[in-house]
């Protein structure tokens, strides 16, 4: 299973620099939504990172499908989405940072 990234050129640049090879550029909501639905069907993708600001602009049915999708796990990345701990917990269903005192 691979990690894939979908977003604008600015969004995917950091992932490219980090070595992620499956990056997809989409400009505009229509192009983003079409590519997103296509990638959700790709069984070789385990985690799909998307720009959280674009996720908010999608239609309600598409947004629901994305957030409830199990494989690949869709992880919205952006300023408004909360901290890394919450993202990991939502993505895999386990709090990896939990200690005995939490």
C-alpha atoms as a PDB file:
ATOM      1  CA  UNK A   1       0.000   0.000   0.000  1.00  0.00           C
ATOM      2  CA  UNK A   2       1.246   3.414  -0.937  1.00  0.00           C
ATOM      3  CA  UNK A   3       0.807   6.981   0.216  1.00  0.00           C
ATOM      4  CA  UNK A   4      -0.725   9.345  -2.322  1.00  0.00           C
ATOM      5  CA  UNK A   5      -1.318  13.087  -2.236  1.00  0.00           C
ATOM      6  CA  UNK A   6      -3.909  15.173  -4.074  1.00  0.00           C
ATOM      7  CA  UNK A   7      -4.007  18.951  -4.200  1.00  0.00           C
ATOM      8  CA  UNK A   8      -2.750  22.124  -5.803  1.00  0.00           C
ATOM      9  CA  UNK A   9       0.843  22.505  -6.983  1.00  0.00           C
ATOM     10  CA  UNK A  10       1.718  24.389  -3.793  1.00  0.00           C
ATOM     11  CA  UNK A  11       0.147  21.712  -1.601  1.00  0.00           C
ATOM     12  CA  UNK A  12       1.877  18.733  -3.212  1.00  0.00           C
ATOM     13  CA  UNK A  13       5.314  20.360  -3.402  1.00  0.00           C
ATOM     14  CA  UNK A  14       6.246  19.554   0.197  1.00  0.00           C
ATOM     15  CA  UNK A  15       5.206  15.937  -0.224  1.00  0.00           C
ATOM     16  CA  UNK A  16       7.345  15.646  -3.344  1.00  0.00           C
ATOM     17  CA  UNK A  17      10.314  17.023  -1.440  1.00  0.00           C
ATOM     18  CA  UNK A  18       9.653  14.471   1.306  1.00  0.00           C
ATOM     19  CA  UNK A  19       9.873  11.654  -1.245  1.00  0.00           C
ATOM     20  CA  UNK A  20       6.214  10.823  -1.851  1.00  0.00           C
ATOM     21  CA  UNK A  21       6.061   9.644  -5.454  1.00  0.00           C
ATOM     22  CA  UNK A  22       2.321   9.355  -5.988  1.00  0.00           C
ATOM     23  CA  UNK A  23       1.333  13.005  -6.133  1.00  0.00           C
ATOM     24  CA  UNK A  24      -1.582  14.275  -8.182  1.00  0.00           C
ATOM     25  CA  UNK A  25      -2.186  17.897  -9.045  1.00  0.00           C
ATOM     26  CA  UNK A  26      -5.718  19.195  -9.375  1.00  0.00           C
ATOM     27  CA  UNK A  27      -6.701  22.794  -9.936  1.00  0.00           C
ATOM     28  CA  UNK A  28     -10.305  23.729  -9.371  1.00  0.00           C
ATOM     29  CA  UNK A  29     -13.064  21.947  -7.486  1.00  0.00           C
ATOM     30  CA  UNK A  30     -14.386  19.933 -10.431  1.00  0.00           C
ATOM     31  CA  UNK A  31     -10.967  18.523 -11.353  1.00  0.00           C
ATOM     32  CA  UNK A  32     -10.199  17.829  -7.678  1.00  0.00           C
ATOM     33  CA  UNK A  33     -13.470  15.991  -7.110  1.00  0.00           C
ATOM     34  CA  UNK A  34     -13.101  13.862 -10.263  1.00  0.00           C
ATOM     35  CA  UNK A  35      -9.533  12.856  -9.379  1.00  0.00           C
ATOM     36  CA  UNK A  36     -10.467  12.241  -5.739  1.00  0.00           C
ATOM     37  CA  UNK A  37     -13.272   9.838  -6.676  1.00  0.00           C
ATOM     38  CA  UNK A  38     -10.891   8.065  -9.065  1.00  0.00           C
ATOM     39  CA  UNK A  39      -8.205   7.679  -6.386  1.00  0.00           C
ATOM     40  CA  UNK A  40     -10.718   6.308  -3.866  1.00  0.00           C
ATOM     41  CA  UNK A  41     -11.122   3.325  -6.207  1.00  0.00           C
ATOM     42  CA  UNK A  42      -7.358   2.650  -6.439  1.00  0.00           C
ATOM     43  CA  UNK A  43      -6.632  -0.415  -4.288  1.00  0.00           C
ATOM     44  CA  UNK A  44      -2.876   0.214  -4.276  1.00  0.00           C
ATOM     45  CA  UNK A  45      -3.317   3.385  -2.181  1.00  0.00           C
ATOM     46  CA  UNK A  46      -3.401   2.946   1.596  1.00  0.00           C
ATOM     47  CA  UNK A  47      -3.362   6.604   2.680  1.00  0.00           C
ATOM     48  CA  UNK A  48      -4.534   9.567   0.632  1.00  0.00           C
ATOM     49  CA  UNK A  49      -3.574  13.035   1.897  1.00  0.00           C
ATOM     50  CA  UNK A  50      -5.733  15.867   0.610  1.00  0.00           C
ATOM     51  CA  UNK A  51      -5.902  19.611   1.169  1.00  0.00           C
ATOM     52  CA  UNK A  52      -8.467  20.230   3.924  1.00  0.00           C
ATOM     53  CA  UNK A  53      -9.419  23.638   2.513  1.00  0.00           C
ATOM     54  CA  UNK A  54     -10.580  22.018  -0.726  1.00  0.00           C
ATOM     55  CA  UNK A  55     -12.394  19.249   1.124  1.00  0.00           C
ATOM     56  CA  UNK A  56     -14.677  21.873   2.668  1.00  0.00           C
ATOM     57  CA  UNK A  57     -15.694  23.075  -0.809  1.00  0.00           C
ATOM     58  CA  UNK A  58     -16.837  19.653  -2.055  1.00  0.00           C
ATOM     59  CA  UNK A  59     -20.470  18.648  -2.212  1.00  0.00           C
ATOM     60  CA  UNK A  60     -21.963  17.096   0.909  1.00  0.00           C
ATOM     61  CA  UNK A  61     -22.299  13.592  -0.553  1.00  0.00           C
ATOM     62  CA  UNK A  62     -18.705  13.536  -1.821  1.00  0.00           C
ATOM     63  CA  UNK A  63     -17.384  14.915   1.469  1.00  0.00           C
ATOM     64  CA  UNK A  64     -19.285  12.245   3.416  1.00  0.00           C
ATOM     65  CA  UNK A  65     -17.961   9.491   1.149  1.00  0.00           C
ATOM     66  CA  UNK A  66     -14.401  10.756   1.593  1.00  0.00           C
ATOM     67  CA  UNK A  67     -14.562  11.046   5.380  1.00  0.00           C
ATOM     68  CA  UNK A  68     -16.192   7.629   5.821  1.00  0.00           C
ATOM     69  CA  UNK A  69     -13.919   5.815   3.358  1.00  0.00           C
ATOM     70  CA  UNK A  70     -11.925   2.976   4.893  1.00  0.00           C
ATOM     71  CA  UNK A  71      -9.494   2.081   2.119  1.00  0.00           C
ATOM     72  CA  UNK A  72      -7.735   4.244   1.301  1.00  0.00           C
ATOM     73  CA  UNK A  73      -7.818   6.237   4.501  1.00  0.00           C
ATOM     74  CA  UNK A  74      -8.260   9.889   3.563  1.00  0.00           C
ATOM     75  CA  UNK A  75      -6.328  12.324   5.750  1.00  0.00           C
ATOM     76  CA  UNK A  76      -7.193  16.013   5.332  1.00  0.00           C
ATOM     77  CA  UNK A  77      -4.093  18.136   5.864  1.00  0.00           C
ATOM     78  CA  UNK A  78      -4.183  21.864   6.494  1.00  0.00           C
ATOM     79  CA  UNK A  79      -4.279  24.626   9.057  1.00  0.00           C
ATOM     80  CA  UNK A  80      -7.875  24.179  10.166  1.00  0.00           C
ATOM     81  CA  UNK A  81      -7.823  20.445  10.689  1.00  0.00           C
ATOM     82  CA  UNK A  82      -6.349  20.166  14.201  1.00  0.00           C
ATOM     83  CA  UNK A  83      -3.163  18.607  15.449  1.00  0.00           C
ATOM     84  CA  UNK A  84      -1.295  15.558  14.187  1.00  0.00           C
ATOM     85  CA  UNK A  85      -2.455  13.404  17.091  1.00  0.00           C
ATOM     86  CA  UNK A  86      -6.109  13.865  16.111  1.00  0.00           C
ATOM     87  CA  UNK A  87      -5.348  13.170  12.442  1.00  0.00           C
ATOM     88  CA  UNK A  88      -3.536   9.915  13.177  1.00  0.00           C
ATOM     89  CA  UNK A  89      -6.235   8.801  15.604  1.00  0.00           C
ATOM     90  CA  UNK A  90      -8.973   9.500  13.049  1.00  0.00           C
ATOM     91  CA  UNK A  91      -7.046   7.867  10.214  1.00  0.00           C
ATOM     92  CA  UNK A  92      -6.184   4.568  11.893  1.00  0.00           C
ATOM     93  CA  UNK A  93      -8.630   4.476  14.784  1.00  0.00           C
ATOM     94  CA  UNK A  94      -5.958   4.179  17.477  1.00  0.00           C
ATOM     95  CA  UNK A  95      -4.369   6.864  19.620  1.00  0.00           C
ATOM     96  CA  UNK A  96      -0.665   6.082  19.162  1.00  0.00           C
ATOM     97  CA  UNK A  97       0.320   8.869  21.544  1.00  0.00           C
ATOM     98  CA  UNK A  98      -1.842   7.642  24.435  1.00  0.00           C
ATOM     99  CA  UNK A  99      -0.030   7.085  27.706  1.00  0.00           C
ATOM    100  CA  UNK A 100      -1.187   5.250  30.818  1.00  0.00           C
ATOM    101  CA  UNK A 101      -2.328   8.555  32.363  1.00  0.00           C
ATOM    102  CA  UNK A 102      -4.505   9.694  29.413  1.00  0.00           C
END
